[in-house]
C-alpha atoms as a PDB file:
ATOM      1  CA  MET A   1      -0.263   0.065   0.115  1.00  0.00           C
ATOM      2  CA  LYS A   2       2.968   2.452   0.998  1.00  0.00           C
ATOM      3  CA  GLN A   3       4.549   1.937  -2.496  1.00  0.00           C
ATOM      4  CA  PHE A   4       1.008   1.926  -4.201  1.00  0.00           C
ATOM      5  CA  LEU A   5       0.673   5.415  -2.154  1.00  0.00           C
ATOM      6  CA  SER A   6       4.264   6.723  -3.237  1.00  0.00           C
ATOM      7  CA  PHE A   7       3.488   5.898  -6.860  1.00  0.00           C
ATOM      8  CA  ILE A   8       0.442   8.103  -6.634  1.00  0.00           C
ATOM      9  CA  SER A   9       2.733  10.993  -4.580  1.00  0.00           C
ATOM     10  CA  ILE A  10       5.286  10.715  -7.690  1.00  0.00           C
ATOM     11  CA  LEU A  11       1.955  11.334 -10.672  1.00  0.00           C
ATOM     12  CA  THR A  12       1.010  14.153  -8.416  1.00  0.00           C
ATOM     13  CA  LEU A  13       4.487  15.101  -8.374  1.00  0.00           C
ATOM     14  CA  LEU A  14       4.781  15.376 -12.446  1.00  0.00           C
ATOM     15  CA  ALA A  15       1.626  16.593 -12.842  1.00  0.00           C
ATOM     16  CA  LEU A  16       2.337  19.488 -10.817  1.00  0.00           C
ATOM     17  CA  PHE A  17       5.470  20.159 -12.362  1.00  0.00           C
ATOM     18  CA  SER A  18       4.111  20.337 -16.075  1.00  0.00           C
ATOM     19  CA  ALA A  19       1.644  22.242 -14.837  1.00  0.00           C
ATOM     20  CA  CYS A  20       4.071  24.979 -13.800  1.00  0.00           C
ATOM     21  CA  GLU A  21       5.853  24.340 -17.690  1.00  0.00           C
ATOM     22  CA  PRO A  22       4.789  27.411 -20.178  1.00  0.00           C
ATOM     23  CA  VAL A  23       2.331  26.357 -22.098  1.00  0.00           C
ATOM     24  CA  ALA A  24       1.985  26.991 -25.971  1.00  0.00           C
ATOM     25  CA  LEU A  25      -1.125  28.792 -27.422  1.00  0.00           C
ATOM     26  CA  THR A  26      -2.652  28.635 -30.547  1.00  0.00           C
ATOM     27  CA  GLU A  27      -4.995  31.441 -32.120  1.00  0.00           C
ATOM     28  CA  PRO A  28      -8.083  30.215 -32.764  1.00  0.00           C
ATOM     29  CA  GLU A  29      -8.803  29.355 -36.369  1.00  0.00           C
ATOM     30  CA  THR A  30     -11.527  31.692 -36.546  1.00  0.00           C
ATOM     31  CA  ASP A  31     -12.577  35.596 -34.779  1.00  0.00           C
ATOM     32  CA  GLY A  32     -16.301  33.480 -33.936  1.00  0.00           C
ATOM     33  CA  LEU A  33     -17.888  34.552 -37.210  1.00  0.00           C
ATOM     34  CA  ARG A  34     -19.588  32.290 -39.614  1.00  0.00           C
ATOM     35  CA  THR A  35     -19.626  33.667 -43.166  1.00  0.00           C
ATOM     36  CA  VAL A  36     -22.512  32.464 -45.218  1.00  0.00           C
ATOM     37  CA  THR A  37     -23.667  33.306 -48.517  1.00  0.00           C
ATOM     38  CA  ILE A  38     -28.026  33.804 -48.615  1.00  0.00           C
ATOM     39  CA  GLY A  39     -29.688  33.692 -52.417  1.00  0.00           C
ATOM     40  CA  THR A  40     -32.388  36.473 -52.426  1.00  0.00           C
ATOM     41  CA  SER A  41     -35.455  36.091 -54.113  1.00  0.00           C
ATOM     42  CA  TYR A  42     -38.753  37.998 -54.795  1.00  0.00           C
ATOM     43  CA  GLU A  43     -42.246  38.408 -55.144  1.00  0.00           C
ATOM     44  CA  SER A  44     -42.379  39.394 -58.982  1.00  0.00           C
ATOM     45  CA  THR A  45     -40.300  42.069 -61.121  1.00  0.00           C
ATOM     46  CA  ALA A  46     -41.321  44.735 -59.712  1.00  0.00           C
ATOM     47  CA  THR A  47     -39.995  44.172 -56.081  1.00  0.00           C
ATOM     48  CA  LYS A  48     -36.362  45.508 -55.767  1.00  0.00           C
ATOM     49  CA  ALA A  49     -33.635  48.000 -55.274  1.00  0.00           C
ATOM     50  CA  GLU A  50     -33.283  49.747 -58.563  1.00  0.00           C
ATOM     51  CA  ILE A  51     -36.860  50.775 -60.685  1.00  0.00           C
ATOM     52  CA  GLY A  52     -36.228  50.861 -64.102  1.00  0.00           C
ATOM     53  CA  ASP A  53     -38.382  53.189 -66.383  1.00  0.00           C
ATOM     54  CA  ASP A  54     -40.872  49.850 -66.822  1.00  0.00           C
ATOM     55  CA  LEU A  55     -41.320  49.730 -63.081  1.00  0.00           C
ATOM     56  CA  SER A  56     -39.241  46.449 -63.013  1.00  0.00           C
ATOM     57  CA  PHE A  57     -36.615  45.923 -60.161  1.00  0.00           C
ATOM     58  CA  SER A  58     -33.014  44.476 -59.854  1.00  0.00           C
ATOM     59  CA  TRP A  59     -30.353  44.753 -56.714  1.00  0.00           C
ATOM     60  CA  THR A  60     -27.611  47.641 -57.526  1.00  0.00           C
ATOM     61  CA  PRO A  61     -23.921  46.809 -56.799  1.00  0.00           C
ATOM     62  CA  GLY A  62     -23.333  48.706 -53.232  1.00  0.00           C
ATOM     63  CA  ASP A  63     -26.897  47.738 -51.960  1.00  0.00           C
ATOM     64  CA  GLU A  64     -26.436  45.678 -48.461  1.00  0.00           C
ATOM     65  CA  ILE A  65     -29.055  43.948 -46.101  1.00  0.00           C
ATOM     66  CA  ALA A  66     -29.397  43.364 -42.287  1.00  0.00           C
ATOM     67  CA  VAL A  67     -29.870  40.180 -41.255  1.00  0.00           C
ATOM     68  CA  TRP A  68     -31.049  39.635 -37.659  1.00  0.00           C
ATOM     69  CA  THR A  69     -29.287  37.028 -35.262  1.00  0.00           C
ATOM     70  CA  GLY A  70     -31.076  37.141 -32.197  1.00  0.00           C
ATOM     71  CA  ARG A  71     -29.054  39.956 -30.481  1.00  0.00           C
ATOM     72  CA  HIS A  72     -28.641  42.415 -33.644  1.00  0.00           C
ATOM     73  CA  TYR A  73     -28.894  42.852 -36.726  1.00  0.00           C
ATOM     74  CA  VAL A  74     -25.533  42.255 -38.859  1.00  0.00           C
ATOM     75  CA  THR A  75     -24.823  43.943 -42.181  1.00  0.00           C
ATOM     76  CA  SER A  76     -24.215  42.171 -45.257  1.00  0.00           C
ATOM     77  CA  GLU A  77     -20.987  42.860 -47.588  1.00  0.00           C
ATOM     78  CA  PRO A  78     -22.170  45.226 -50.376  1.00  0.00           C
ATOM     79  CA  TYR A  79     -23.788  43.373 -53.291  1.00  0.00           C
ATOM     80  CA  VAL A  80     -21.701  42.323 -56.135  1.00  0.00           C
ATOM     81  CA  SER A  81     -23.909  39.728 -58.539  1.00  0.00           C
ATOM     82  CA  ASP A  82     -26.524  36.596 -59.102  1.00  0.00           C
ATOM     83  CA  ASN A  83     -28.851  37.337 -56.008  1.00  0.00           C
ATOM     84  CA  THR A  84     -26.359  36.716 -53.446  1.00  0.00           C
ATOM     85  CA  PHE A  85     -25.170  38.029 -50.018  1.00  0.00           C
ATOM     86  CA  THR A  86     -22.553  37.754 -48.264  1.00  0.00           C
ATOM     87  CA  LEU A  87     -22.899  38.111 -44.529  1.00  0.00           C
ATOM     88  CA  HIS A  88     -20.403  37.253 -41.381  1.00  0.00           C
ATOM     89  CA  LEU A  89     -22.315  36.002 -39.055  1.00  0.00           C
ATOM     90  CA  ASP A  90     -22.328  35.817 -34.657  1.00  0.00           C
ATOM     91  CA  GLY A  91     -25.599  34.004 -34.163  1.00  0.00           C
ATOM     92  CA  ILE A  92     -28.309  32.068 -35.459  1.00  0.00           C
ATOM     93  CA  ARG A  93     -30.325  33.728 -38.039  1.00  0.00           C
ATOM     94  CA  SER A  94     -34.041  34.302 -36.876  1.00  0.00           C
ATOM     95  CA  GLY A  95     -36.604  37.050 -37.241  1.00  0.00           C
ATOM     96  CA  PHE A  96     -36.443  39.306 -40.363  1.00  0.00           C
ATOM     97  CA  ALA A  97     -34.323  40.882 -42.942  1.00  0.00           C
ATOM     98  CA  VAL A  98     -34.780  44.384 -43.735  1.00  0.00           C
ATOM     99  CA  TYR A  99     -33.282  46.056 -47.148  1.00  0.00           C
ATOM    100  CA  PRO A 100     -31.801  49.037 -47.217  1.00  0.00           C
ATOM    101  CA  ALA A 101     -29.769  47.845 -43.900  1.00  0.00           C
ATOM    102  CA  SER A 102     -29.825  51.420 -42.820  1.00  0.00           C
ATOM    103  CA  VAL A 103     -33.725  51.877 -42.606  1.00  0.00           C
ATOM    104  CA  ALA A 104     -33.069  48.638 -40.041  1.00  0.00           C
ATOM    105  CA  ASP A 105     -34.353  48.963 -36.337  1.00  0.00           C
ATOM    106  CA  PRO A 106     -32.160  47.247 -33.429  1.00  0.00           C
ATOM    107  CA  ASP A 107     -34.956  47.749 -30.628  1.00  0.00           C
ATOM    108  CA  ASN A 108     -37.639  46.990 -32.609  1.00  0.00           C
ATOM    109  CA  ALA A 109     -36.893  43.586 -34.634  1.00  0.00           C
ATOM    110  CA  THR A 110     -39.097  41.416 -33.808  1.00  0.00           C
ATOM    111  CA  VAL A 111     -43.040  39.773 -35.227  1.00  0.00           C
ATOM    112  CA  GLU A 112     -44.682  41.538 -31.867  1.00  0.00           C
ATOM    113  CA  SER A 113     -42.778  45.139 -32.843  1.00  0.00           C
ATOM    114  CA  LEU A 114     -41.164  45.248 -36.004  1.00  0.00           C
ATOM    115  CA  LYS A 115     -40.207  48.952 -37.368  1.00  0.00           C
ATOM    116  CA  VAL A 116     -37.985  50.496 -40.205  1.00  0.00           C
ATOM    117  CA  THR A 117     -36.706  53.994 -40.341  1.00  0.00           C
ATOM    118  CA  LEU A 118     -37.062  56.319 -43.475  1.00  0.00           C
ATOM    119  CA  PRO A 119     -34.235  58.999 -43.888  1.00  0.00           C
ATOM    120  CA  GLU A 120     -34.960  61.925 -44.573  1.00  0.00           C
ATOM    121  CA  SER A 121     -31.790  62.470 -47.013  1.00  0.00           C
ATOM    122  CA  TYR A 122     -30.627  60.908 -49.603  1.00  0.00           C
ATOM    123  CA  ASP A 123     -26.800  61.440 -51.116  1.00  0.00           C
ATOM    124  CA  LEU A 124     -26.639  59.897 -54.587  1.00  0.00           C
ATOM    125  CA  SER A 125     -23.309  60.036 -55.213  1.00  0.00           C
ATOM    126  CA  GLY A 126     -22.545  57.532 -57.910  1.00  0.00           C
ATOM    127  CA  LYS A 127     -26.279  56.521 -58.307  1.00  0.00           C
ATOM    128  CA  SER A 128     -27.926  55.495 -61.193  1.00  0.00           C
ATOM    129  CA  VAL A 129     -30.537  57.394 -62.025  1.00  0.00           C
ATOM    130  CA  THR A 130     -33.107  53.928 -61.564  1.00  0.00           C
ATOM    131  CA  TYR A 131     -31.518  53.355 -57.631  1.00  0.00           C
ATOM    132  CA  SER A 132     -34.894  53.408 -55.755  1.00  0.00           C
ATOM    133  CA  PRO A 133     -33.787  52.059 -51.907  1.00  0.00           C
ATOM    134  CA  MET A 134     -37.613  51.483 -51.356  1.00  0.00           C
ATOM    135  CA  PRO A 135     -37.685  49.361 -47.824  1.00  0.00           C
ATOM    136  CA  MET A 136     -38.186  45.776 -48.164  1.00  0.00           C
ATOM    137  CA  ILE A 137     -38.693  42.888 -45.012  1.00  0.00           C
ATOM    138  CA  ALA A 138     -37.906  38.908 -45.532  1.00  0.00           C
ATOM    139  CA  ILE A 139     -38.820  36.190 -43.126  1.00  0.00           C
ATOM    140  CA  ASN A 140     -35.661  35.101 -42.015  1.00  0.00           C
ATOM    141  CA  ASN A 141     -34.974  31.506 -41.248  1.00  0.00           C
ATOM    142  CA  GLU A 142     -31.084  29.875 -40.705  1.00  0.00           C
ATOM    143  CA  GLY A 143     -30.244  27.497 -43.918  1.00  0.00           C
ATOM    144  CA  ALA A 144     -33.095  29.581 -45.815  1.00  0.00           C
ATOM    145  CA  ASP A 145     -33.181  31.880 -48.785  1.00  0.00           C
ATOM    146  CA  LEU A 146     -34.916  35.338 -48.321  1.00  0.00           C
ATOM    147  CA  ASN A 147     -37.349  35.784 -49.691  1.00  0.00           C
ATOM    148  CA  PHE A 148     -38.488  39.941 -49.628  1.00  0.00           C
ATOM    149  CA  TYR A 149     -41.507  41.381 -49.928  1.00  0.00           C
ATOM    150  CA  HIS A 150     -42.058  45.452 -49.900  1.00  0.00           C
ATOM    151  CA  VAL A 151     -44.002  47.430 -47.555  1.00  0.00           C
ATOM    152  CA  GLY A 152     -44.138  50.905 -48.925  1.00  0.00           C
ATOM    153  CA  GLY A 153     -44.210  52.215 -52.415  1.00  0.00           C
ATOM    154  CA  LEU A 154     -42.567  55.047 -54.923  1.00  0.00           C
ATOM    155  CA  LEU A 155     -42.773  57.844 -55.979  1.00  0.00           C
ATOM    156  CA  ARG A 156     -40.631  58.978 -59.221  1.00  0.00           C
ATOM    157  CA  LEU A 157     -40.144  62.286 -59.960  1.00  0.00           C
ATOM    158  CA  THR A 158     -38.367  63.231 -63.496  1.00  0.00           C
ATOM    159  CA  LEU A 159     -37.763  66.881 -62.977  1.00  0.00           C
ATOM    160  CA  ARG A 160     -36.092  69.276 -65.769  1.00  0.00           C
ATOM    161  CA  ASP A 161     -35.049  73.139 -66.234  1.00  0.00           C
ATOM    162  CA  ILE A 162     -33.104  72.424 -62.897  1.00  0.00           C
ATOM    163  CA  PRO A 163     -31.164  75.678 -61.901  1.00  0.00           C
ATOM    164  CA  ALA A 164     -27.417  74.905 -62.730  1.00  0.00           C
ATOM    165  CA  GLU A 165     -26.704  76.040 -58.685  1.00  0.00           C
ATOM    166  CA  THR A 166     -28.748  73.587 -57.466  1.00  0.00           C
ATOM    167  CA  VAL A 167     -26.987  71.123 -55.020  1.00  0.00           C
ATOM    168  CA  LYS A 168     -29.674  70.103 -53.035  1.00  0.00           C
ATOM    169  CA  ILE A 169     -33.468  69.537 -54.250  1.00  0.00           C
ATOM    170  CA  ARG A 170     -36.400  69.032 -51.020  1.00  0.00           C
ATOM    171  CA  VAL A 171     -39.454  66.952 -51.932  1.00  0.00           C
ATOM    172  CA  PHE A 172     -42.407  68.005 -49.784  1.00  0.00           C
ATOM    173  CA  LEU A 173     -45.717  65.555 -48.973  1.00  0.00           C
ATOM    174  CA  PRO A 174     -47.827  68.629 -47.540  1.00  0.00           C
ATOM    175  CA  GLY A 175     -49.450  67.133 -44.752  1.00  0.00           C
ATOM    176  CA  HIS A 176     -47.990  63.547 -44.524  1.00  0.00           C
ATOM    177  CA  ARG A 177     -44.760  62.135 -42.615  1.00  0.00           C
ATOM    178  CA  ILE A 178     -42.556  60.968 -44.327  1.00  0.00           C
ATOM    179  CA  THR A 179     -40.062  60.141 -42.709  1.00  0.00           C
ATOM    180  CA  GLY A 180     -38.666  58.459 -39.001  1.00  0.00           C
ATOM    181  CA  SER A 181     -40.006  55.133 -37.512  1.00  0.00           C
ATOM    182  CA  PHE A 182     -42.881  53.812 -38.904  1.00  0.00           C
ATOM    183  CA  ALA A 183     -44.321  50.275 -37.509  1.00  0.00           C
ATOM    184  CA  VAL A 184     -44.734  47.595 -40.145  1.00  0.00           C
ATOM    185  CA  THR A 185     -48.281  46.015 -39.690  1.00  0.00           C
ATOM    186  CA  ASN A 186     -48.876  42.207 -39.909  1.00  0.00           C
ATOM    187  CA  PRO A 187     -45.054  41.245 -39.889  1.00  0.00           C
ATOM    188  CA  GLY A 188     -45.276  37.787 -40.034  1.00  0.00           C
ATOM    189  CA  HIS A 189     -46.764  37.982 -43.391  1.00  0.00           C
ATOM    190  CA  PRO A 190     -44.808  39.893 -45.409  1.00  0.00           C
ATOM    191  CA  GLY A 191     -46.347  39.802 -49.059  1.00  0.00           C
ATOM    192  CA  GLU A 192     -49.978  40.636 -47.870  1.00  0.00           C
ATOM    193  CA  ARG A 193     -51.670  43.703 -48.522  1.00  0.00           C
ATOM    194  CA  ASP A 194     -51.312  44.610 -44.671  1.00  0.00           C
ATOM    195  CA  CYS A 195     -48.274  44.354 -44.131  1.00  0.00           C
ATOM    196  CA  VAL A 196     -46.681  47.841 -44.508  1.00  0.00           C
ATOM    197  CA  ILE A 197     -45.771  50.780 -43.263  1.00  0.00           C
ATOM    198  CA  ALA A 198     -48.349  53.762 -43.335  1.00  0.00           C
ATOM    199  CA  THR A 199     -48.189  57.520 -43.143  1.00  0.00           C
ATOM    200  CA  ASP A 200     -49.896  59.612 -40.623  1.00  0.00           C
ATOM    201  CA  ASN A 201     -50.831  63.327 -40.219  1.00  0.00           C
ATOM    202  CA  ASP A 202     -48.198  64.310 -38.016  1.00  0.00           C
ATOM    203  CA  ALA A 203     -47.068  67.552 -39.652  1.00  0.00           C
ATOM    204  CA  THR A 204     -44.517  68.133 -37.448  1.00  0.00           C
ATOM    205  CA  ALA A 205     -40.929  70.452 -38.730  1.00  0.00           C
ATOM    206  CA  GLY A 206     -38.896  67.795 -40.623  1.00  0.00           C
ATOM    207  CA  ASN A 207     -41.604  64.780 -41.474  1.00  0.00           C
ATOM    208  CA  THR A 208     -42.903  65.918 -44.142  1.00  0.00           C
ATOM    209  CA  TYR A 209     -40.447  66.027 -47.074  1.00  0.00           C
ATOM    210  CA  VAL A 210     -36.826  64.532 -48.027  1.00  0.00           C
ATOM    211  CA  ASP A 211     -33.587  66.037 -49.606  1.00  0.00           C
ATOM    212  CA  PHE A 212     -31.799  64.967 -52.349  1.00  0.00           C
ATOM    213  CA  THR A 213     -28.358  65.604 -53.027  1.00  0.00           C
ATOM    214  CA  ASN A 214     -25.352  65.125 -55.440  1.00  0.00           C
ATOM    215  CA  PHE A 215     -28.088  63.631 -58.258  1.00  0.00           C
ATOM    216  CA  THR A 216     -26.978  63.032 -61.604  1.00  0.00           C
ATOM    217  CA  LEU A 217     -27.629  65.578 -64.030  1.00  0.00           C
ATOM    218  CA  SER A 218     -28.152  65.104 -67.583  1.00  0.00           C
ATOM    219  CA  GLY A 219     -28.684  68.303 -68.992  1.00  0.00           C
ATOM    220  CA  ASN A 220     -30.560  70.034 -66.710  1.00  0.00           C
ATOM    221  CA  ALA A 221     -33.060  66.995 -65.918  1.00  0.00           C
ATOM    222  CA  THR A 222     -32.671  64.203 -63.337  1.00  0.00           C
ATOM    223  CA  VAL A 223     -35.002  61.850 -61.790  1.00  0.00           C
ATOM    224  CA  LEU A 224     -35.217  61.501 -58.331  1.00  0.00           C
ATOM    225  CA  ASN A 225     -37.350  58.343 -56.641  1.00  0.00           C
ATOM    226  CA  LEU A 226     -38.934  58.649 -53.047  1.00  0.00           C
ATOM    227  CA  PRO A 227     -39.815  55.388 -51.214  1.00  0.00           C
ATOM    228  CA  VAL A 228     -42.827  56.575 -49.187  1.00  0.00           C
ATOM    229  CA  PRO A 229     -45.114  54.813 -46.868  1.00  0.00           C
ATOM    230  CA  THR A 230     -48.600  53.666 -47.716  1.00  0.00           C
ATOM    231  CA  GLY A 231     -51.746  55.844 -47.633  1.00  0.00           C
ATOM    232  CA  THR A 232     -52.906  58.875 -49.365  1.00  0.00           C
ATOM    233  CA  TYR A 233     -50.769  61.675 -50.821  1.00  0.00           C
ATOM    234  CA  ASN A 234     -52.440  64.937 -51.914  1.00  0.00           C
ATOM    235  CA  ASN A 235     -49.857  67.049 -53.073  1.00  0.00           C
ATOM    236  CA  VAL A 236     -46.940  67.302 -53.930  1.00  0.00           C
ATOM    237  CA  HIS A 237     -44.083  70.544 -53.859  1.00  0.00           C
ATOM    238  CA  ILE A 238     -40.328  70.602 -54.884  1.00  0.00           C
ATOM    239  CA  GLU A 239     -38.272  72.700 -54.458  1.00  0.00           C
ATOM    240  CA  ALA A 240     -34.267  73.915 -55.591  1.00  0.00           C
ATOM    241  CA  LYS A 241     -31.658  75.065 -53.359  1.00  0.00           C
ATOM    242  CA  ASN A 242     -28.186  76.493 -53.266  1.00  0.00           C
ATOM    243  CA  ALA A 243     -24.928  76.190 -51.612  1.00  0.00           C
ATOM    244  CA  ALA A 244     -26.388  78.970 -49.151  1.00  0.00           C
ATOM    245  CA  ASP A 245     -29.629  76.665 -48.368  1.00  0.00           C
ATOM    246  CA  ALA A 246     -31.588  79.521 -50.180  1.00  0.00           C
ATOM    247  CA  THR A 247     -34.534  78.044 -52.558  1.00  0.00           C
ATOM    248  CA  LEU A 248     -34.194  79.037 -55.701  1.00  0.00           C
ATOM    249  CA  ALA A 249     -36.835  81.641 -57.189  1.00  0.00           C
ATOM    250  CA  GLY A 250     -36.572  79.847 -60.643  1.00  0.00           C
ATOM    251  CA  PHE A 251     -37.848  76.364 -59.667  1.00  0.00           C
ATOM    252  CA  GLY A 252     -40.469  75.734 -57.841  1.00  0.00           C
ATOM    253  CA  VAL A 253     -43.495  72.961 -58.527  1.00  0.00           C
ATOM    254  CA  SER A 254     -46.070  72.369 -56.682  1.00  0.00           C
ATOM    255  CA  ALA A 255     -49.455  70.328 -57.701  1.00  0.00           C
ATOM    256  CA  ALA A 256     -52.204  67.763 -57.141  1.00  0.00           C
ATOM    257  CA  ILE A 257     -51.807  64.629 -56.636  1.00  0.00           C
ATOM    258  CA  ASN A 258     -54.705  62.958 -55.032  1.00  0.00           C
ATOM    259  CA  TRP A 259     -52.584  59.165 -55.230  1.00  0.00           C
ATOM    260  CA  ASN A 260     -53.366  56.449 -53.002  1.00  0.00           C
ATOM    261  CA  CYS A 261     -50.446  54.657 -52.899  1.00  0.00           C
ATOM    262  CA  GLU A 262     -49.838  50.950 -51.784  1.00  0.00           C
ATOM    263  CA  ARG A 263     -47.658  48.235 -51.165  1.00  0.00           C
ATOM    264  CA  ALA A 264     -45.249  47.565 -54.010  1.00  0.00           C
ATOM    265  CA  TRP A 265     -46.839  50.645 -55.801  1.00  0.00           C
ATOM    266  CA  GLY A 266     -45.092  53.480 -57.947  1.00  0.00           C
ATOM    267  CA  LYS A 267     -46.499  56.660 -59.536  1.00  0.00           C
ATOM    268  CA  LYS A 268     -44.120  58.504 -61.941  1.00  0.00           C
ATOM    269  CA  LEU A 269     -44.388  62.478 -62.353  1.00  0.00           C
ATOM    270  CA  SER A 270     -42.875  64.704 -64.617  1.00  0.00           C
ATOM    271  CA  ASN A 271     -42.156  68.631 -64.817  1.00  0.00           C
ATOM    272  CA  ASP A 272     -44.359  70.755 -67.911  1.00  0.00           C
ATOM    273  CA  ASN A 273     -40.868  73.301 -68.725  1.00  0.00           C
ATOM    274  CA  ALA A 274     -43.456  76.217 -69.075  1.00  0.00           C
ATOM    275  CA  THR A 275     -45.938  75.718 -65.956  1.00  0.00           C
ATOM    276  CA  TYR A 276     -44.031  72.748 -63.806  1.00  0.00           C
ATOM    277  CA  SER A 277     -47.773  71.026 -62.665  1.00  0.00           C
ATOM    278  CA  LEU A 278     -47.045  67.202 -62.401  1.00  0.00           C
ATOM    279  CA  THR A 279     -48.554  65.255 -64.670  1.00  0.00           C
ATOM    280  CA  LEU A 280     -48.093  61.210 -64.859  1.00  0.00           C
END
């Protein structure tokens, strides 16, 4: 028995001495993220991020989506091709994916409370005249493709005879809020008629207009695409502004439009050079 205990003691001492020796630590092979490529599909030809003159859509290089991973949204790498997005995820996909990534609200990302935030301005640097970042959502199940559906509509404006000193174009939809946070109704059923964001009558300062900067001019004309919540819009007013943020007297557009905007619907308007009235 003593010999056995001595043998155990020797093994214990050896283990202690071994524990005191430096241990070579190896860096983990990854930083805890997994890279996935997710395919995307859509409800029809009119359900993507860039809208052509015939109101057909397609992804635009540089587009980004936001994907929920249980704790927060993860933004994809910029879109390249093949209707796929690459993401580096740190959790399990669940909840929703949102396009564009910039409208995702990380504090309201569940089926009980899903919200998106429409911006107060659009910088169109490097964007084509068909770039139309209409907000879309998709059910985000682990291992599944994303099928995106619109939750709002689009107002396309073709504006001509823009003054040369214009650096900003401001578009008003008077009496209706078109920027800020909007709740998505019935988010668990994207694509259905009532899965939408809707305007309201909160006409507080700053909520009824959107600014466009760095737009492309062809001659003295440009095309602006304004994503809007669903609802009924009665009037539109457009101003051109110079570098001092002063409204240019030579360009003012106001017209009645009487538009009942539904999900995934668009309206195209242009100004007449003589009267600046808007017509379809």
